C-alpha atoms as a PDB file:
ATOM      1  CA  MET A   1      21.157  36.861  53.888  1.00  0.00           C
ATOM      2  CA  ASP A   2      18.409  38.835  52.160  1.00  0.00           C
ATOM      3  CA  HIS A   3      20.535  38.815  49.038  1.00  0.00           C
ATOM      4  CA  ASN A   4      20.624  34.969  48.882  1.00  0.00           C
ATOM      5  CA  LEU A   5      16.850  34.751  49.452  1.00  0.00           C
ATOM      6  CA  LEU A   6      16.115  37.029  46.525  1.00  0.00           C
ATOM      7  CA  GLU A   7      18.578  35.148  44.321  1.00  0.00           C
ATOM      8  CA  SER A   8      16.765  31.872  44.955  1.00  0.00           C
ATOM      9  CA  LEU A   9      13.388  33.505  44.126  1.00  0.00           C
ATOM     10  CA  LEU A  10      14.741  34.746  40.808  1.00  0.00           C
ATOM     11  CA  ASP A  11      16.052  31.276  39.964  1.00  0.00           C
ATOM     12  CA  LEU A  12      12.704  29.662  40.890  1.00  0.00           C
ATOM     13  CA  GLU A  13      11.074  30.624  37.583  1.00  0.00           C
ATOM     14  CA  GLU A  14      14.050  29.266  35.647  1.00  0.00           C
ATOM     15  CA  ASP A  15      13.915  25.983  37.580  1.00  0.00           C
ATOM     16  CA  PHE A  16      10.178  25.498  36.934  1.00  0.00           C
ATOM     17  CA  TYR A  17      10.653  26.339  33.255  1.00  0.00           C
ATOM     18  CA  LYS A  18      13.445  23.776  32.910  1.00  0.00           C
ATOM     19  CA  GLU A  19      11.451  21.103  34.790  1.00  0.00           C
ATOM     20  CA  GLY A  20       8.351  21.720  32.618  1.00  0.00           C
ATOM     21  CA  TYR A  21      10.419  21.681  29.437  1.00  0.00           C
ATOM     22  CA  ASP A  22      12.064  18.379  30.343  1.00  0.00           C
ATOM     23  CA  LEU A  23       8.705  16.753  31.200  1.00  0.00           C
ATOM     24  CA  GLY A  24       7.125  18.059  27.994  1.00  0.00           C
ATOM     25  CA  ALA A  25      10.018  16.832  25.851  1.00  0.00           C
ATOM     26  CA  ALA A  26       9.797  13.343  27.371  1.00  0.00           C
ATOM     27  CA  ASP A  27       5.999  13.178  26.925  1.00  0.00           C
ATOM     28  CA  GLY A  28       6.277  14.571  23.384  1.00  0.00           C
ATOM     29  CA  ALA A  29       8.836  11.962  22.371  1.00  0.00           C
ATOM     30  CA  LYS A  30       6.607   9.173  23.670  1.00  0.00           C
ATOM     31  CA  ALA A  31       3.438  10.579  22.064  1.00  0.00           C
ATOM     32  CA  GLY A  32       5.299  11.342  18.822  1.00  0.00           C
ATOM     33  CA  TYR A  33       6.505   7.769  18.524  1.00  0.00           C
ATOM     34  CA  THR A  34       2.987   6.434  19.121  1.00  0.00           C
ATOM     35  CA  GLU A  35       1.364   8.839  16.666  1.00  0.00           C
ATOM     36  CA  GLY A  36       4.094   8.135  14.099  1.00  0.00           C
ATOM     37  CA  SER A  37       3.546   4.396  14.406  1.00  0.00           C
ATOM     38  CA  VAL A  38      -0.212   4.757  13.932  1.00  0.00           C
ATOM     39  CA  PHE A  39       0.333   7.044  10.932  1.00  0.00           C
ATOM     40  CA  ALA A  40       2.773   4.544   9.378  1.00  0.00           C
ATOM     41  CA  VAL A  41       0.296   1.685   9.777  1.00  0.00           C
ATOM     42  CA  GLU A  42      -2.501   3.760   8.201  1.00  0.00           C
ATOM     43  CA  LYS A  43      -0.384   4.796   5.205  1.00  0.00           C
ATOM     44  CA  GLY A  44       0.962   1.276   4.730  1.00  0.00           C
ATOM     45  CA  PHE A  45      -2.569  -0.117   4.820  1.00  0.00           C
ATOM     46  CA  GLU A  46      -3.751   2.424   2.228  1.00  0.00           C
ATOM     47  CA  LYS A  47      -0.890   1.509  -0.106  1.00  0.00           C
ATOM     48  CA  PHE A  48      -1.479  -2.218   0.185  1.00  0.00           C
ATOM     49  CA  VAL A  49      -5.249  -1.815  -0.281  1.00  0.00           C
ATOM     50  CA  GLU A  50      -4.555   0.037  -3.526  1.00  0.00           C
ATOM     51  CA  ILE A  51      -2.082  -2.665  -4.599  1.00  0.00           C
ATOM     52  CA  GLY A  52      -4.689  -5.323  -3.794  1.00  0.00           C
ATOM     53  CA  ARG A  53      -7.342  -3.483  -5.787  1.00  0.00           C
ATOM     54  CA  LEU A  54      -5.007  -3.241  -8.777  1.00  0.00           C
ATOM     55  CA  TYR A  55      -4.098  -6.920  -8.397  1.00  0.00           C
ATOM     56  CA  GLY A  56      -7.768  -7.882  -8.504  1.00  0.00           C
ATOM     57  CA  LYS A  57      -8.362  -5.776 -11.605  1.00  0.00           C
ATOM     58  CA  ALA A  58      -5.284  -7.289 -13.254  1.00  0.00           C
ATOM     59  CA  LEU A  59      -6.547 -10.812 -12.561  1.00  0.00           C
ATOM     60  CA  VAL A  60      -9.903 -10.000 -14.157  1.00  0.00           C
ATOM     61  CA  TRP A  61      -8.183  -8.442 -17.177  1.00  0.00           C
ATOM     62  CA  ALA A  62      -5.879 -11.452 -17.486  1.00  0.00           C
ATOM     63  CA  GLN A  63      -8.889 -13.777 -17.418  1.00  0.00           C
ATOM     64  CA  ARG A  64     -10.610 -11.709 -20.101  1.00  0.00           C
ATOM     65  CA  LEU A  65      -7.464 -11.809 -22.221  1.00  0.00           C
ATOM     66  CA  ALA A  66      -7.153 -15.578 -21.731  1.00  0.00           C
ATOM     67  CA  ASP A  67     -10.811 -16.033 -22.715  1.00  0.00           C
ATOM     68  CA  MET A  68     -10.230 -14.018 -25.873  1.00  0.00           C
ATOM     69  CA  ASP A  69      -7.180 -16.133 -26.741  1.00  0.00           C
ATOM     70  CA  GLN A  70      -9.191 -19.360 -26.381  1.00  0.00           C
ATOM     71  CA  ARG A  71     -12.345 -18.348 -28.274  1.00  0.00           C
ATOM     72  CA  PRO A  72     -10.996 -18.135 -31.843  1.00  0.00           C
ATOM     73  CA  ASN A  73      -9.111 -21.450 -31.643  1.00  0.00           C
ATOM     74  CA  GLU A  74     -11.945 -23.574 -30.266  1.00  0.00           C
ATOM     75  CA  PRO A  75     -13.228 -26.290 -32.607  1.00  0.00           C
ATOM     76  CA  SER A  76     -16.965 -26.891 -32.502  1.00  0.00           C
ATOM     77  CA  SER A  77     -17.462 -30.561 -31.681  1.00  0.00           C
ATOM     78  CA  ASP A  78     -19.635 -32.351 -29.149  1.00  0.00           C
ATOM     79  CA  ALA A  79     -16.635 -33.685 -27.190  1.00  0.00           C
ATOM     80  CA  VAL A  80     -15.145 -30.244 -26.878  1.00  0.00           C
ATOM     81  CA  SER A  81     -18.477 -28.756 -25.774  1.00  0.00           C
ATOM     82  CA  GLU A  82     -18.722 -31.351 -22.982  1.00  0.00           C
ATOM     83  CA  VAL A  83     -15.212 -30.503 -21.787  1.00  0.00           C
ATOM     84  CA  LYS A  84     -16.055 -26.809 -22.040  1.00  0.00           C
ATOM     85  CA  GLU A  85     -19.141 -27.304 -19.851  1.00  0.00           C
ATOM     86  CA  GLU A  86     -17.008 -29.010 -17.209  1.00  0.00           C
ATOM     87  CA  THR A  87     -14.319 -26.314 -17.216  1.00  0.00           C
ATOM     88  CA  SER A  88     -16.705 -23.370 -17.542  1.00  0.00           C
ATOM     89  CA  SER A  89     -17.561 -23.708 -13.870  1.00  0.00           C
ATOM     90  CA  LEU A  90     -13.933 -22.908 -13.086  1.00  0.00           C
ATOM     91  CA  LYS A  91     -13.959 -19.641 -15.041  1.00  0.00           C
ATOM     92  CA  PRO A  92     -15.477 -16.531 -13.503  1.00  0.00           C
ATOM     93  CA  ALA A  93     -18.911 -15.934 -15.018  1.00  0.00           C
ATOM     94  CA  VAL A  94     -18.457 -12.206 -14.710  1.00  0.00           C
ATOM     95  CA  CYS A  95     -15.502 -12.274 -17.110  1.00  0.00           C
ATOM     96  CA  GLN A  96     -17.518 -14.214 -19.700  1.00  0.00           C
ATOM     97  CA  SER A  97     -20.278 -11.605 -19.744  1.00  0.00           C
ATOM     98  CA  MET A  98     -17.889  -8.670 -20.271  1.00  0.00           C
ATOM     99  CA  ALA A  99     -17.484  -7.070 -23.666  1.00  0.00           C
ATOM    100  CA  SER A 100     -14.809  -8.514 -25.913  1.00  0.00           C
ATOM    101  CA  PHE A 101     -11.873  -6.550 -27.234  1.00  0.00           C
ATOM    102  CA  PRO A 102      -9.197  -7.067 -29.861  1.00  0.00           C
ATOM    103  CA  HIS A 103      -6.080  -8.935 -28.735  1.00  0.00           C
ATOM    104  CA  SER A 104      -2.903  -6.884 -28.662  1.00  0.00           C
ATOM    105  CA  SER A 105       0.639  -7.938 -27.809  1.00  0.00           C
ATOM    106  CA  ARG A 106       1.245  -4.522 -26.233  1.00  0.00           C
ATOM    107  CA  LEU A 107      -1.816  -4.991 -24.051  1.00  0.00           C
ATOM    108  CA  ALA A 108      -0.621  -8.449 -23.008  1.00  0.00           C
ATOM    109  CA  LYS A 109       2.843  -7.076 -22.206  1.00  0.00           C
ATOM    110  CA  ASN A 110       1.370  -4.222 -20.108  1.00  0.00           C
ATOM    111  CA  LEU A 111      -0.832  -6.708 -18.283  1.00  0.00           C
ATOM    112  CA  ASP A 112       2.128  -8.993 -17.541  1.00  0.00           C
ATOM    113  CA  THR A 113       4.085  -6.015 -16.221  1.00  0.00           C
ATOM    114  CA  LEU A 114       1.147  -4.961 -14.036  1.00  0.00           C
ATOM    115  CA  LEU A 115       0.817  -8.469 -12.613  1.00  0.00           C
ATOM    116  CA  GLU A 116       4.543  -8.519 -11.807  1.00  0.00           C
ATOM    117  CA  LEU A 117       4.333  -5.136 -10.083  1.00  0.00           C
ATOM    118  CA  VAL A 118       1.384  -6.007  -7.821  1.00  0.00           C
ATOM    119  CA  ASP A 119       2.124  -9.685  -7.178  1.00  0.00           C
ATOM    120  CA  PRO A 120       1.587 -10.093  -3.414  1.00  0.00           C
ATOM    121  CA  ALA A 121       4.178 -12.852  -3.148  1.00  0.00           C
ATOM    122  CA  SER A 122       6.950 -10.589  -4.424  1.00  0.00           C
ATOM    123  CA  LEU A 123       6.142  -7.469  -2.395  1.00  0.00           C
ATOM    124  CA  PRO A 124       8.679  -6.646   0.320  1.00  0.00           C
ATOM    125  CA  MET A 125       7.224  -6.834   3.820  1.00  0.00           C
ATOM    126  CA  GLN A 126      10.204  -5.410   5.711  1.00  0.00           C
ATOM    127  CA  ASN A 127       9.837  -2.009   7.302  1.00  0.00           C
ATOM    128  CA  THR A 128      13.082  -0.689   5.901  1.00  0.00           C
ATOM    129  CA  GLU A 129      13.828   2.344   3.772  1.00  0.00           C
ATOM    130  CA  GLU A 130      14.519   0.124   0.750  1.00  0.00           C
ATOM    131  CA  GLY A 131      11.302  -1.867   1.248  1.00  0.00           C
ATOM    132  CA  VAL A 132       9.142   1.247   1.538  1.00  0.00           C
ATOM    133  CA  THR A 133      10.791   2.800  -1.516  1.00  0.00           C
ATOM    134  CA  ASP A 134      10.281  -0.400  -3.511  1.00  0.00           C
ATOM    135  CA  VAL A 135       6.574  -0.556  -2.623  1.00  0.00           C
ATOM    136  CA  ASP A 136       6.109   3.127  -3.506  1.00  0.00           C
ATOM    137  CA  GLU A 137       7.835   2.725  -6.876  1.00  0.00           C
ATOM    138  CA  ARG A 138       5.902  -0.417  -7.695  1.00  0.00           C
ATOM    139  CA  LEU A 139       2.609   1.231  -6.747  1.00  0.00           C
ATOM    140  CA  ARG A 140       3.369   4.253  -8.951  1.00  0.00           C
ATOM    141  CA  GLY A 141       4.283   2.013 -11.886  1.00  0.00           C
ATOM    142  CA  ALA A 142       1.225  -0.188 -11.351  1.00  0.00           C
ATOM    143  CA  ILE A 143      -1.121   2.820 -11.352  1.00  0.00           C
ATOM    144  CA  ILE A 144       0.348   3.983 -14.668  1.00  0.00           C
ATOM    145  CA  LYS A 145       0.059   0.506 -16.218  1.00  0.00           C
ATOM    146  CA  ALA A 146      -3.520   0.144 -14.959  1.00  0.00           C
ATOM    147  CA  LYS A 147      -4.469   3.449 -16.609  1.00  0.00           C
ATOM    148  CA  LEU A 148      -2.941   2.283 -19.899  1.00  0.00           C
ATOM    149  CA  ILE A 149      -4.811  -1.009 -19.733  1.00  0.00           C
ATOM    150  CA  GLN A 150      -8.104   0.689 -18.816  1.00  0.00           C
ATOM    151  CA  ARG A 151      -7.801   2.973 -21.817  1.00  0.00           C
ATOM    152  CA  ALA A 152      -6.968   0.015 -24.068  1.00  0.00           C
ATOM    153  CA  PHE A 153     -10.100  -1.767 -22.843  1.00  0.00           C
ATOM    154  CA  GLY A 154     -12.153   1.404 -23.200  1.00  0.00           C
ATOM    155  CA  GLU A 155     -13.088   1.374 -19.526  1.00  0.00           C
ATOM    156  CA  ARG A 156     -13.675   4.470 -17.474  1.00  0.00           C
ATOM    157  CA  GLU A 157     -11.137   5.244 -14.822  1.00  0.00           C
ATOM    158  CA  ASP A 158     -12.409   4.110 -11.423  1.00  0.00           C
ATOM    159  CA  THR A 159     -11.651   6.809  -8.873  1.00  0.00           C
ATOM    160  CA  SER A 160     -14.265   5.856  -6.301  1.00  0.00           C
ATOM    161  CA  ASP A 161     -11.806   3.968  -4.078  1.00  0.00           C
ATOM    162  CA  ILE A 162      -9.032   6.516  -4.313  1.00  0.00           C
ATOM    163  CA  HIS A 163     -11.176   9.632  -3.964  1.00  0.00           C
ATOM    164  CA  PRO A 164     -14.396   8.831  -2.087  1.00  0.00           C
ATOM    165  CA  ASP A 165     -15.715  12.359  -2.642  1.00  0.00           C
ATOM    166  CA  ALA A 166     -15.691  11.771  -6.430  1.00  0.00           C
ATOM    167  CA  ARG A 167     -18.430   9.111  -6.330  1.00  0.00           C
ATOM    168  CA  GLY A 168     -21.322   9.807  -8.607  1.00  0.00           C
ATOM    169  CA  VAL A 169     -19.562  12.695 -10.326  1.00  0.00           C
ATOM    170  CA  GLN A 170     -19.578  12.086 -14.051  1.00  0.00           C
ATOM    171  CA  ALA A 171     -16.774  13.581 -16.090  1.00  0.00           C
ATOM    172  CA  PRO A 172     -17.945  15.674 -19.022  1.00  0.00           C
ATOM    173  CA  GLY A 173     -17.088  14.539 -22.522  1.00  0.00           C
ATOM    174  CA  ASP A 174     -16.612  11.100 -23.924  1.00  0.00           C
ATOM    175  CA  GLY A 175     -14.905   9.796 -20.784  1.00  0.00           C
ATOM    176  CA  THR A 176     -11.541   9.063 -22.324  1.00  0.00           C
ATOM    177  CA  GLY A 177      -9.865  11.995 -20.642  1.00  0.00           C
ATOM    178  CA  SER A 178      -7.816  12.613 -23.755  1.00  0.00           C
ATOM    179  CA  ILE A 179      -6.623  16.029 -24.813  1.00  0.00           C
ATOM    180  CA  GLU A 180      -8.902  15.880 -27.857  1.00  0.00           C
ATOM    181  CA  ASP A 181     -11.975  15.718 -25.616  1.00  0.00           C
ATOM    182  CA  ILE A 182     -13.240  19.283 -25.922  1.00  0.00           C
ATOM    183  CA  SER A 183     -16.921  18.592 -25.275  1.00  0.00           C
ATOM    184  CA  SER A 184     -16.707  20.088 -21.822  1.00  0.00           C
ATOM    185  CA  LEU A 185     -15.463  23.472 -22.997  1.00  0.00           C
ATOM    186  CA  ASN A 186     -17.863  26.390 -22.917  1.00  0.00           C
ATOM    187  CA  ILE A 187     -18.163  28.581 -25.973  1.00  0.00           C
ATOM    188  CA  ARG A 188     -17.480  32.239 -25.256  1.00  0.00           C
ATOM    189  CA  HIS A 189     -19.282  34.915 -27.274  1.00  0.00           C
END
């Protein structure tokens, strides 16, 4: 009888270990699912905020391009100026005060591609592997197109939304970020 009593004491540690492991695995699965869901929502939100920011920039660029297309062809008559005054309230005033730039078919094509990539109506909203992959690919392509368009316009790259710690930090050189920009190099003697 003493032998059976000692056997049960030796198995007691194993039983408590197994019970604790099973409870921990169940709690971990529940907490992991919750934390994973929160993480997915945060990352999805960040991606769609970036897509929305790029969409807004693309709309402003498209308006600037449309304004540039209309300016050279406008006849200067009183009737046209009255119509222009009526329709000027529909155009964003901010776009009219921006610097002009030469029209380029490549720029227009890049802008059309950017608008197609970030069009909110065409973005997949399903939480599937294909939908997530499509959004990621479109975001990557849109970022590249936006950089091309910014350089064509001569604008500085806006990193304040993407990297909040980079606010107020001015890049050395002429700001183009090109390989020829050597103004930030230190001369060694």
